[in-house]
Amino acid sequence: MSSTVVGALILTCTFGGALFGIYLRGRLPPSHLDRESSDTVKLVMGLIATLTALVLGLLISSAHSAYAAETAEIQQLGVHLYQIDRLLARFGPDAAQPRALLRKLVEGDIDLTWPSDQARVPGAAALQERLEGEQLFDQIASLSPTTNLQRLGQSRALQLLASVAETRRLLTEQAEGSLSWPFLLVVGAWLTLLFFGFGLFARFNPTVVIALFAGAISVAAATILILEMYHPFRGWMQVSSAPLREALNQISQMNQMSE
């Protein structure tokens, strides 16, 4: 279920709960709306409001931290890929094949992480990426360094490639991360009860309706924001592919200059 659909459901439930509260107010016996009753209900509403605010704040903080971490990983991935190409360039024509395969892997990473063709099979593409990554590792390991600088470069390139493989796998797992639906359902129920309480002690007039609608829009937007940050490679708030595209551009330029 997309974040937009979830946000629309939250908006419908909260605003609908508020309107139902306003409707019910006119049909309750006066004893249900006296001072003692209203004070008790407002205390319960305050408890629910505090719990909901704490949970939403923690969710936004957690989602933003995960989003920022994935952005940093993409930037680091671009740097490491460019460094591998520069280290392989020290081997001259002997490294032409692994450098071409590296460029192909970067292109594949971009297409796999930010797909433009929704009809392709992600599982098959991911498997092909892993096989090509293993092939690149074997090609770099089979190079025959003749100088200490080349030996150091080969060792460093293998280390960076292992780090790249780990980061790519981590990004794949993080891209599938999601918020627990039962947890989200509980938060939605709290919000609906809270807005029902707001409406129960509010008189029907345009100002009240607009205020309740603005509040419902706000909590729905917060829910969408949380879900979007939990899925950083699709939706409205995608992590930028600029670091990988810049690395690919630099690798391609260096390969053309060395040819």
C-alpha atoms as a PDB file:
ATOM      1  CA  MET A   1       0.000   0.000   0.000  1.00  0.00           C
ATOM      2  CA  SER A   2       1.449   3.353  -1.029  1.00  0.00           C
ATOM      3  CA  SER A   3       2.129   6.154   1.423  1.00  0.00           C
ATOM      4  CA  THR A   4      -0.425   8.366  -0.367  1.00  0.00           C
ATOM      5  CA  VAL A   5      -3.183   5.823   0.165  1.00  0.00           C
ATOM      6  CA  VAL A   6      -2.242   5.448   3.841  1.00  0.00           C
ATOM      7  CA  GLY A   7      -2.215   9.229   4.263  1.00  0.00           C
ATOM      8  CA  ALA A   8      -5.649   9.481   2.638  1.00  0.00           C
ATOM      9  CA  LEU A   9      -6.976   6.819   5.011  1.00  0.00           C
ATOM     10  CA  ILE A  10      -5.556   8.656   8.025  1.00  0.00           C
ATOM     11  CA  LEU A  11      -7.117  11.899   6.792  1.00  0.00           C
ATOM     12  CA  THR A  12     -10.488  10.226   6.269  1.00  0.00           C
ATOM     13  CA  CYS A  13     -10.473   8.494   9.659  1.00  0.00           C
ATOM     14  CA  THR A  14      -9.360  11.516  11.682  1.00  0.00           C
ATOM     15  CA  PHE A  15     -11.549  14.116  10.005  1.00  0.00           C
ATOM     16  CA  GLY A  16     -14.446  11.672   9.862  1.00  0.00           C
ATOM     17  CA  GLY A  17     -13.996  10.952  13.567  1.00  0.00           C
ATOM     18  CA  ALA A  18     -14.072  14.670  14.324  1.00  0.00           C
ATOM     19  CA  LEU A  19     -17.268  15.181  12.320  1.00  0.00           C
ATOM     20  CA  PHE A  20     -18.855  12.183  14.005  1.00  0.00           C
ATOM     21  CA  GLY A  21     -17.947  13.674  17.373  1.00  0.00           C
ATOM     22  CA  ILE A  22     -19.649  16.957  16.425  1.00  0.00           C
ATOM     23  CA  TYR A  23     -22.695  15.014  15.225  1.00  0.00           C
ATOM     24  CA  LEU A  24     -22.848  12.940  18.417  1.00  0.00           C
ATOM     25  CA  ARG A  25     -22.554  16.011  20.636  1.00  0.00           C
ATOM     26  CA  GLY A  26     -26.027  17.180  19.660  1.00  0.00           C
ATOM     27  CA  ARG A  27     -27.576  13.815  20.489  1.00  0.00           C
ATOM     28  CA  LEU A  28     -26.013  13.000  23.843  1.00  0.00           C
ATOM     29  CA  PRO A  29     -27.916  13.623  27.069  1.00  0.00           C
ATOM     30  CA  PRO A  30     -26.798  16.812  28.871  1.00  0.00           C
ATOM     31  CA  SER A  31     -25.374  14.738  31.745  1.00  0.00           C
ATOM     32  CA  HIS A  32     -22.774  13.306  29.331  1.00  0.00           C
ATOM     33  CA  LEU A  33     -21.483  16.762  28.550  1.00  0.00           C
ATOM     34  CA  ASP A  34     -21.438  18.338  32.018  1.00  0.00           C
ATOM     35  CA  ARG A  35     -18.245  19.701  33.529  1.00  0.00           C
ATOM     36  CA  GLU A  36     -17.239  16.535  35.411  1.00  0.00           C
ATOM     37  CA  SER A  37     -17.726  14.331  32.346  1.00  0.00           C
ATOM     38  CA  SER A  38     -15.929  16.713  30.009  1.00  0.00           C
ATOM     39  CA  ASP A  39     -12.969  17.018  32.408  1.00  0.00           C
ATOM     40  CA  THR A  40     -12.591  13.225  32.505  1.00  0.00           C
ATOM     41  CA  VAL A  41     -12.797  12.895  28.738  1.00  0.00           C
ATOM     42  CA  LYS A  42     -10.292  15.720  28.263  1.00  0.00           C
ATOM     43  CA  LEU A  43      -7.846  13.983  30.618  1.00  0.00           C
ATOM     44  CA  VAL A  44      -8.081  10.815  28.539  1.00  0.00           C
ATOM     45  CA  MET A  45      -7.661  12.853  25.366  1.00  0.00           C
ATOM     46  CA  GLY A  46      -4.573  14.492  26.854  1.00  0.00           C
ATOM     47  CA  LEU A  47      -3.107  11.056  27.590  1.00  0.00           C
ATOM     48  CA  ILE A  48      -3.790   9.850  24.034  1.00  0.00           C
ATOM     49  CA  ALA A  49      -2.431  13.102  22.581  1.00  0.00           C
ATOM     50  CA  THR A  50       0.799  12.742  24.579  1.00  0.00           C
ATOM     51  CA  LEU A  51       1.289   9.117  23.526  1.00  0.00           C
ATOM     52  CA  THR A  52       0.560   9.915  19.882  1.00  0.00           C
ATOM     53  CA  ALA A  53       2.882  12.932  19.836  1.00  0.00           C
ATOM     54  CA  LEU A  54       5.712  10.914  21.366  1.00  0.00           C
ATOM     55  CA  VAL A  55       5.267   8.027  18.941  1.00  0.00           C
ATOM     56  CA  LEU A  56       5.004  10.259  15.862  1.00  0.00           C
ATOM     57  CA  GLY A  57       8.062  12.221  16.982  1.00  0.00           C
ATOM     58  CA  LEU A  58      10.078   9.043  17.473  1.00  0.00           C
ATOM     59  CA  LEU A  59       8.937   7.662  14.116  1.00  0.00           C
ATOM     60  CA  ILE A  60       9.898  10.843  12.265  1.00  0.00           C
ATOM     61  CA  SER A  61      13.287  10.920  13.996  1.00  0.00           C
ATOM     62  CA  SER A  62      13.955   7.240  13.248  1.00  0.00           C
ATOM     63  CA  ALA A  63      12.830   7.531   9.622  1.00  0.00           C
ATOM     64  CA  HIS A  64      14.937  10.647   9.065  1.00  0.00           C
ATOM     65  CA  SER A  65      18.009   8.963  10.566  1.00  0.00           C
ATOM     66  CA  ALA A  66      17.558   5.961   8.266  1.00  0.00           C
ATOM     67  CA  TYR A  67      17.050   8.261   5.265  1.00  0.00           C
ATOM     68  CA  ALA A  68      20.178  10.273   6.078  1.00  0.00           C
ATOM     69  CA  ALA A  69      22.217   7.087   6.573  1.00  0.00           C
ATOM     70  CA  GLU A  70      21.155   5.727   3.172  1.00  0.00           C
ATOM     71  CA  THR A  71      22.015   9.049   1.521  1.00  0.00           C
ATOM     72  CA  ALA A  72      25.495   8.892   3.079  1.00  0.00           C
ATOM     73  CA  GLU A  73      25.907   5.284   1.905  1.00  0.00           C
ATOM     74  CA  ILE A  74      25.084   6.266  -1.681  1.00  0.00           C
ATOM     75  CA  GLN A  75      27.657   9.070  -1.522  1.00  0.00           C
ATOM     76  CA  GLN A  76      30.272   6.719  -0.087  1.00  0.00           C
ATOM     77  CA  LEU A  77      29.463   4.132  -2.749  1.00  0.00           C
ATOM     78  CA  GLY A  78      30.108   6.658  -5.508  1.00  0.00           C
ATOM     79  CA  VAL A  79      33.471   7.633  -3.981  1.00  0.00           C
ATOM     80  CA  HIS A  80      34.591   4.010  -3.603  1.00  0.00           C
ATOM     81  CA  LEU A  81      33.643   3.105  -7.165  1.00  0.00           C
ATOM     82  CA  TYR A  82      35.641   6.024  -8.535  1.00  0.00           C
ATOM     83  CA  GLN A  83      38.626   5.105  -6.344  1.00  0.00           C
ATOM     84  CA  ILE A  84      38.557   1.530  -7.664  1.00  0.00           C
ATOM     85  CA  ASP A  85      38.692   2.791 -11.233  1.00  0.00           C
ATOM     86  CA  ARG A  86      41.652   5.077 -10.420  1.00  0.00           C
ATOM     87  CA  LEU A  87      43.536   2.207  -8.795  1.00  0.00           C
ATOM     88  CA  LEU A  88      42.896  -0.056 -11.776  1.00  0.00           C
ATOM     89  CA  ALA A  89      44.126   2.682 -14.138  1.00  0.00           C
ATOM     90  CA  ARG A  90      47.629   2.121 -12.742  1.00  0.00           C
ATOM     91  CA  PHE A  91      47.703  -1.259 -14.475  1.00  0.00           C
ATOM     92  CA  GLY A  92      47.307   0.309 -17.907  1.00  0.00           C
ATOM     93  CA  PRO A  93      45.860  -1.815 -20.748  1.00  0.00           C
ATOM     94  CA  ASP A  94      45.935  -4.941 -18.552  1.00  0.00           C
ATOM     95  CA  ALA A  95      43.021  -3.537 -16.529  1.00  0.00           C
ATOM     96  CA  ALA A  96      40.883  -2.519 -19.518  1.00  0.00           C
ATOM     97  CA  GLN A  97      38.489  -5.438 -19.071  1.00  0.00           C
ATOM     98  CA  PRO A  98      37.830  -5.023 -15.318  1.00  0.00           C
ATOM     99  CA  ARG A  99      37.447  -1.250 -15.775  1.00  0.00           C
ATOM    100  CA  ALA A 100      34.825  -1.831 -18.474  1.00  0.00           C
ATOM    101  CA  LEU A 101      33.041  -4.305 -16.212  1.00  0.00           C
ATOM    102  CA  LEU A 102      33.181  -1.797 -13.344  1.00  0.00           C
ATOM    103  CA  ARG A 103      31.523   0.823 -15.525  1.00  0.00           C
ATOM    104  CA  LYS A 104      28.838  -1.699 -16.463  1.00  0.00           C
ATOM    105  CA  LEU A 105      28.269  -2.489 -12.789  1.00  0.00           C
ATOM    106  CA  VAL A 106      27.781   1.180 -11.932  1.00  0.00           C
ATOM    107  CA  GLU A 107      25.239   1.520 -14.739  1.00  0.00           C
ATOM    108  CA  GLY A 108      23.482  -1.598 -13.473  1.00  0.00           C
ATOM    109  CA  ASP A 109      23.423  -0.257  -9.908  1.00  0.00           C
ATOM    110  CA  ILE A 110      21.726   2.932 -11.075  1.00  0.00           C
ATOM    111  CA  ASP A 111      19.127   1.042 -13.131  1.00  0.00           C
ATOM    112  CA  LEU A 112      18.481  -1.436 -10.329  1.00  0.00           C
ATOM    113  CA  THR A 113      18.164   1.104  -7.516  1.00  0.00           C
ATOM    114  CA  TRP A 114      16.258   3.757  -9.492  1.00  0.00           C
ATOM    115  CA  PRO A 115      14.356   1.655 -12.056  1.00  0.00           C
ATOM    116  CA  SER A 116      12.753   3.449 -14.964  1.00  0.00           C
ATOM    117  CA  ASP A 117      11.204   0.305 -16.445  1.00  0.00           C
ATOM    118  CA  GLN A 118       8.692  -1.119 -13.992  1.00  0.00           C
ATOM    119  CA  ALA A 119       8.199  -4.207 -16.147  1.00  0.00           C
ATOM    120  CA  ARG A 120      11.650  -5.687 -15.684  1.00  0.00           C
ATOM    121  CA  VAL A 121      12.375  -8.412 -13.129  1.00  0.00           C
ATOM    122  CA  PRO A 122      14.291  -6.967 -10.134  1.00  0.00           C
ATOM    123  CA  GLY A 123      15.241 -10.394  -8.760  1.00  0.00           C
ATOM    124  CA  ALA A 124      16.930 -11.495 -11.974  1.00  0.00           C
ATOM    125  CA  ALA A 125      18.676  -8.134 -12.313  1.00  0.00           C
ATOM    126  CA  ALA A 126      19.984  -8.320  -8.746  1.00  0.00           C
ATOM    127  CA  LEU A 127      21.314 -11.845  -9.311  1.00  0.00           C
ATOM    128  CA  GLN A 128      23.084 -10.723 -12.481  1.00  0.00           C
ATOM    129  CA  GLU A 129      24.626  -7.821 -10.545  1.00  0.00           C
ATOM    130  CA  ARG A 130      26.014 -10.180  -7.890  1.00  0.00           C
ATOM    131  CA  LEU A 131      27.481 -12.510 -10.504  1.00  0.00           C
ATOM    132  CA  GLU A 132      29.144  -9.630 -12.330  1.00  0.00           C
ATOM    133  CA  GLY A 133      30.484  -8.311  -9.021  1.00  0.00           C
ATOM    134  CA  GLU A 134      32.084 -11.684  -8.290  1.00  0.00           C
ATOM    135  CA  GLN A 135      33.496 -11.739 -11.816  1.00  0.00           C
ATOM    136  CA  LEU A 136      35.012  -8.280 -11.307  1.00  0.00           C
ATOM    137  CA  PHE A 137      36.589  -9.391  -8.030  1.00  0.00           C
ATOM    138  CA  ASP A 138      38.181 -12.392  -9.796  1.00  0.00           C
ATOM    139  CA  GLN A 139      39.466 -10.215 -12.621  1.00  0.00           C
ATOM    140  CA  ILE A 140      41.112  -7.760 -10.245  1.00  0.00           C
ATOM    141  CA  ALA A 141      42.600 -10.581  -8.170  1.00  0.00           C
ATOM    142  CA  SER A 142      44.068 -12.165 -11.322  1.00  0.00           C
ATOM    143  CA  LEU A 143      45.981  -9.026 -12.319  1.00  0.00           C
ATOM    144  CA  SER A 144      49.756  -9.395 -12.195  1.00  0.00           C
ATOM    145  CA  PRO A 145      51.300  -6.371 -10.458  1.00  0.00           C
ATOM    146  CA  THR A 146      54.918  -5.635 -11.325  1.00  0.00           C
ATOM    147  CA  THR A 147      55.623  -2.789  -8.906  1.00  0.00           C
ATOM    148  CA  ASN A 148      55.006  -2.182  -5.230  1.00  0.00           C
ATOM    149  CA  LEU A 149      52.583   0.602  -6.150  1.00  0.00           C
ATOM    150  CA  GLN A 150      50.549  -1.788  -8.286  1.00  0.00           C
ATOM    151  CA  ARG A 151      50.537  -4.420  -5.521  1.00  0.00           C
ATOM    152  CA  LEU A 152      49.290  -1.851  -3.048  1.00  0.00           C
ATOM    153  CA  GLY A 153      46.699  -0.659  -5.551  1.00  0.00           C
ATOM    154  CA  GLN A 154      45.469  -4.186  -6.208  1.00  0.00           C
ATOM    155  CA  SER A 155      45.078  -4.894  -2.498  1.00  0.00           C
ATOM    156  CA  ARG A 156      43.284  -1.607  -1.916  1.00  0.00           C
ATOM    157  CA  ALA A 157      40.983  -2.138  -4.930  1.00  0.00           C
ATOM    158  CA  LEU A 158      39.945  -5.549  -3.590  1.00  0.00           C
ATOM    159  CA  GLN A 159      39.236  -4.037  -0.167  1.00  0.00           C
ATOM    160  CA  LEU A 160      37.139  -1.265  -1.698  1.00  0.00           C
ATOM    161  CA  LEU A 161      35.287  -3.736  -3.900  1.00  0.00           C
ATOM    162  CA  ALA A 162      34.413  -5.854  -0.853  1.00  0.00           C
ATOM    163  CA  SER A 163      33.151  -2.697   0.866  1.00  0.00           C
ATOM    164  CA  VAL A 164      31.116  -1.790  -2.214  1.00  0.00           C
ATOM    165  CA  ALA A 165      29.518  -5.257  -2.268  1.00  0.00           C
ATOM    166  CA  GLU A 166      28.618  -4.935   1.409  1.00  0.00           C
ATOM    167  CA  THR A 167      27.120  -1.472   0.915  1.00  0.00           C
ATOM    168  CA  ARG A 168      25.134  -2.584  -2.129  1.00  0.00           C
ATOM    169  CA  ARG A 169      23.693  -5.525  -0.205  1.00  0.00           C
ATOM    170  CA  LEU A 170      22.851  -3.271   2.719  1.00  0.00           C
ATOM    171  CA  LEU A 171      21.072  -0.798   0.446  1.00  0.00           C
ATOM    172  CA  THR A 172      19.066  -3.637  -1.108  1.00  0.00           C
ATOM    173  CA  GLU A 173      17.892  -4.774   2.319  1.00  0.00           C
ATOM    174  CA  GLN A 174      17.142  -1.227   3.482  1.00  0.00           C
ATOM    175  CA  ALA A 175      15.104  -0.530   0.357  1.00  0.00           C
ATOM    176  CA  GLU A 176      12.673  -3.255   1.462  1.00  0.00           C
ATOM    177  CA  GLY A 177      12.384  -1.924   5.011  1.00  0.00           C
ATOM    178  CA  SER A 178       8.934  -0.868   6.114  1.00  0.00           C
ATOM    179  CA  LEU A 179       6.967   0.229   9.113  1.00  0.00           C
ATOM    180  CA  SER A 180       5.020  -2.423  11.029  1.00  0.00           C
ATOM    181  CA  TRP A 181       1.426  -2.260   9.840  1.00  0.00           C
ATOM    182  CA  PRO A 182      -0.092  -3.263  13.231  1.00  0.00           C
ATOM    183  CA  PHE A 183       1.945  -0.456  14.792  1.00  0.00           C
ATOM    184  CA  LEU A 184       0.679   2.011  12.205  1.00  0.00           C
ATOM    185  CA  LEU A 185      -2.868   0.767  12.769  1.00  0.00           C
ATOM    186  CA  VAL A 186      -2.603   1.488  16.493  1.00  0.00           C
ATOM    187  CA  VAL A 187      -1.315   5.017  15.833  1.00  0.00           C
ATOM    188  CA  GLY A 188      -4.159   5.575  13.367  1.00  0.00           C
ATOM    189  CA  ALA A 189      -6.688   4.416  15.977  1.00  0.00           C
ATOM    190  CA  TRP A 190      -5.205   6.809  18.554  1.00  0.00           C
ATOM    191  CA  LEU A 191      -5.449   9.695  16.111  1.00  0.00           C
ATOM    192  CA  THR A 192      -9.047   8.850  15.237  1.00  0.00           C
ATOM    193  CA  LEU A 193     -10.039   8.717  18.913  1.00  0.00           C
ATOM    194  CA  LEU A 194      -8.241  11.979  19.549  1.00  0.00           C
ATOM    195  CA  PHE A 195     -10.051  13.811  16.767  1.00  0.00           C
ATOM    196  CA  PHE A 196     -13.349  12.256  17.848  1.00  0.00           C
ATOM    197  CA  GLY A 197     -12.755  13.792  21.266  1.00  0.00           C
ATOM    198  CA  PHE A 198     -11.955  17.152  19.670  1.00  0.00           C
ATOM    199  CA  GLY A 199     -15.229  17.091  17.796  1.00  0.00           C
ATOM    200  CA  LEU A 200     -17.236  15.904  20.783  1.00  0.00           C
ATOM    201  CA  PHE A 201     -16.611  19.145  22.671  1.00  0.00           C
ATOM    202  CA  ALA A 202     -16.650  21.522  19.710  1.00  0.00           C
ATOM    203  CA  ARG A 203     -19.608  23.467  18.362  1.00  0.00           C
ATOM    204  CA  PHE A 204     -20.290  23.129  14.668  1.00  0.00           C
ATOM    205  CA  ASN A 205     -19.172  26.211  12.713  1.00  0.00           C
ATOM    206  CA  PRO A 206     -16.883  26.858   9.731  1.00  0.00           C
ATOM    207  CA  THR A 207     -13.927  27.899  11.884  1.00  0.00           C
ATOM    208  CA  VAL A 208     -14.028  24.665  13.903  1.00  0.00           C
ATOM    209  CA  VAL A 209     -14.397  22.511  10.787  1.00  0.00           C
ATOM    210  CA  ILE A 210     -11.468  24.236   9.070  1.00  0.00           C
ATOM    211  CA  ALA A 211      -9.291  23.861  12.178  1.00  0.00           C
ATOM    212  CA  LEU A 212     -10.144  20.152  12.492  1.00  0.00           C
ATOM    213  CA  PHE A 213      -9.469  19.621   8.793  1.00  0.00           C
ATOM    214  CA  ALA A 214      -6.106  21.404   9.084  1.00  0.00           C
ATOM    215  CA  GLY A 215      -5.179  19.137  11.992  1.00  0.00           C
ATOM    216  CA  ALA A 216      -6.221  16.024  10.058  1.00  0.00           C
ATOM    217  CA  ILE A 217      -4.174  17.163   7.049  1.00  0.00           C
ATOM    218  CA  SER A 218      -1.158  17.701   9.319  1.00  0.00           C
ATOM    219  CA  VAL A 219      -1.191  14.207  10.867  1.00  0.00           C
ATOM    220  CA  ALA A 220      -1.835  12.631   7.454  1.00  0.00           C
ATOM    221  CA  ALA A 221       1.143  14.536   6.024  1.00  0.00           C
ATOM    222  CA  ALA A 222       3.304  13.365   8.943  1.00  0.00           C
ATOM    223  CA  THR A 223       2.308   9.762   8.214  1.00  0.00           C
ATOM    224  CA  ILE A 224       3.151  10.146   4.519  1.00  0.00           C
ATOM    225  CA  LEU A 225       6.496  11.715   5.425  1.00  0.00           C
ATOM    226  CA  ILE A 226       7.383   8.793   7.705  1.00  0.00           C
ATOM    227  CA  LEU A 227       6.456   6.154   5.124  1.00  0.00           C
ATOM    228  CA  GLU A 228       8.282   7.985   2.332  1.00  0.00           C
ATOM    229  CA  MET A 229      11.519   8.162   4.334  1.00  0.00           C
ATOM    230  CA  TYR A 230      11.245   4.455   5.151  1.00  0.00           C
ATOM    231  CA  HIS A 231      11.260   3.738   1.385  1.00  0.00           C
ATOM    232  CA  PRO A 232      14.009   6.048   0.099  1.00  0.00           C
ATOM    233  CA  PHE A 233      14.359   4.569  -3.394  1.00  0.00           C
ATOM    234  CA  ARG A 234      10.799   5.053  -4.572  1.00  0.00           C
ATOM    235  CA  GLY A 235       8.010   7.542  -4.089  1.00  0.00           C
ATOM    236  CA  TRP A 236       8.225  11.303  -3.640  1.00  0.00           C
ATOM    237  CA  MET A 237      11.368  11.508  -1.495  1.00  0.00           C
ATOM    238  CA  GLN A 238      13.858   9.346  -3.343  1.00  0.00           C
ATOM    239  CA  VAL A 239      17.499   9.474  -2.359  1.00  0.00           C
ATOM    240  CA  SER A 240      19.353  11.234  -5.156  1.00  0.00           C
ATOM    241  CA  SER A 241      21.251   9.099  -7.642  1.00  0.00           C
ATOM    242  CA  ALA A 242      23.593  12.034  -8.383  1.00  0.00           C
ATOM    243  CA  PRO A 243      26.648  10.564  -6.539  1.00  0.00           C
ATOM    244  CA  LEU A 244      26.551   7.353  -8.590  1.00  0.00           C
ATOM    245  CA  ARG A 245      25.818   9.174 -11.830  1.00  0.00           C
ATOM    246  CA  GLU A 246      28.724  11.537 -11.176  1.00  0.00           C
ATOM    247  CA  ALA A 247      31.011   8.577 -10.445  1.00  0.00           C
ATOM    248  CA  LEU A 248      29.862   6.902 -13.680  1.00  0.00           C
ATOM    249  CA  ASN A 249      30.497  10.097 -15.622  1.00  0.00           C
ATOM    250  CA  GLN A 250      34.019  10.452 -14.208  1.00  0.00           C
ATOM    251  CA  ILE A 251      34.829   6.779 -14.811  1.00  0.00           C
ATOM    252  CA  SER A 252      33.629   7.045 -18.415  1.00  0.00           C
ATOM    253  CA  GLN A 253      35.675  10.198 -18.991  1.00  0.00           C
ATOM    254  CA  MET A 254      38.822   8.610 -17.560  1.00  0.00           C
ATOM    255  CA  ASN A 255      38.337   5.499 -19.675  1.00  0.00           C
ATOM    256  CA  GLN A 256      38.014   7.625 -22.809  1.00  0.00           C
ATOM    257  CA  MET A 257      41.168   9.566 -21.955  1.00  0.00           C
ATOM    258  CA  SER A 258      43.161   6.352 -21.437  1.00  0.00           C
ATOM    259  CA  GLU A 259      42.027   4.794 -24.719  1.00  0.00           C
END
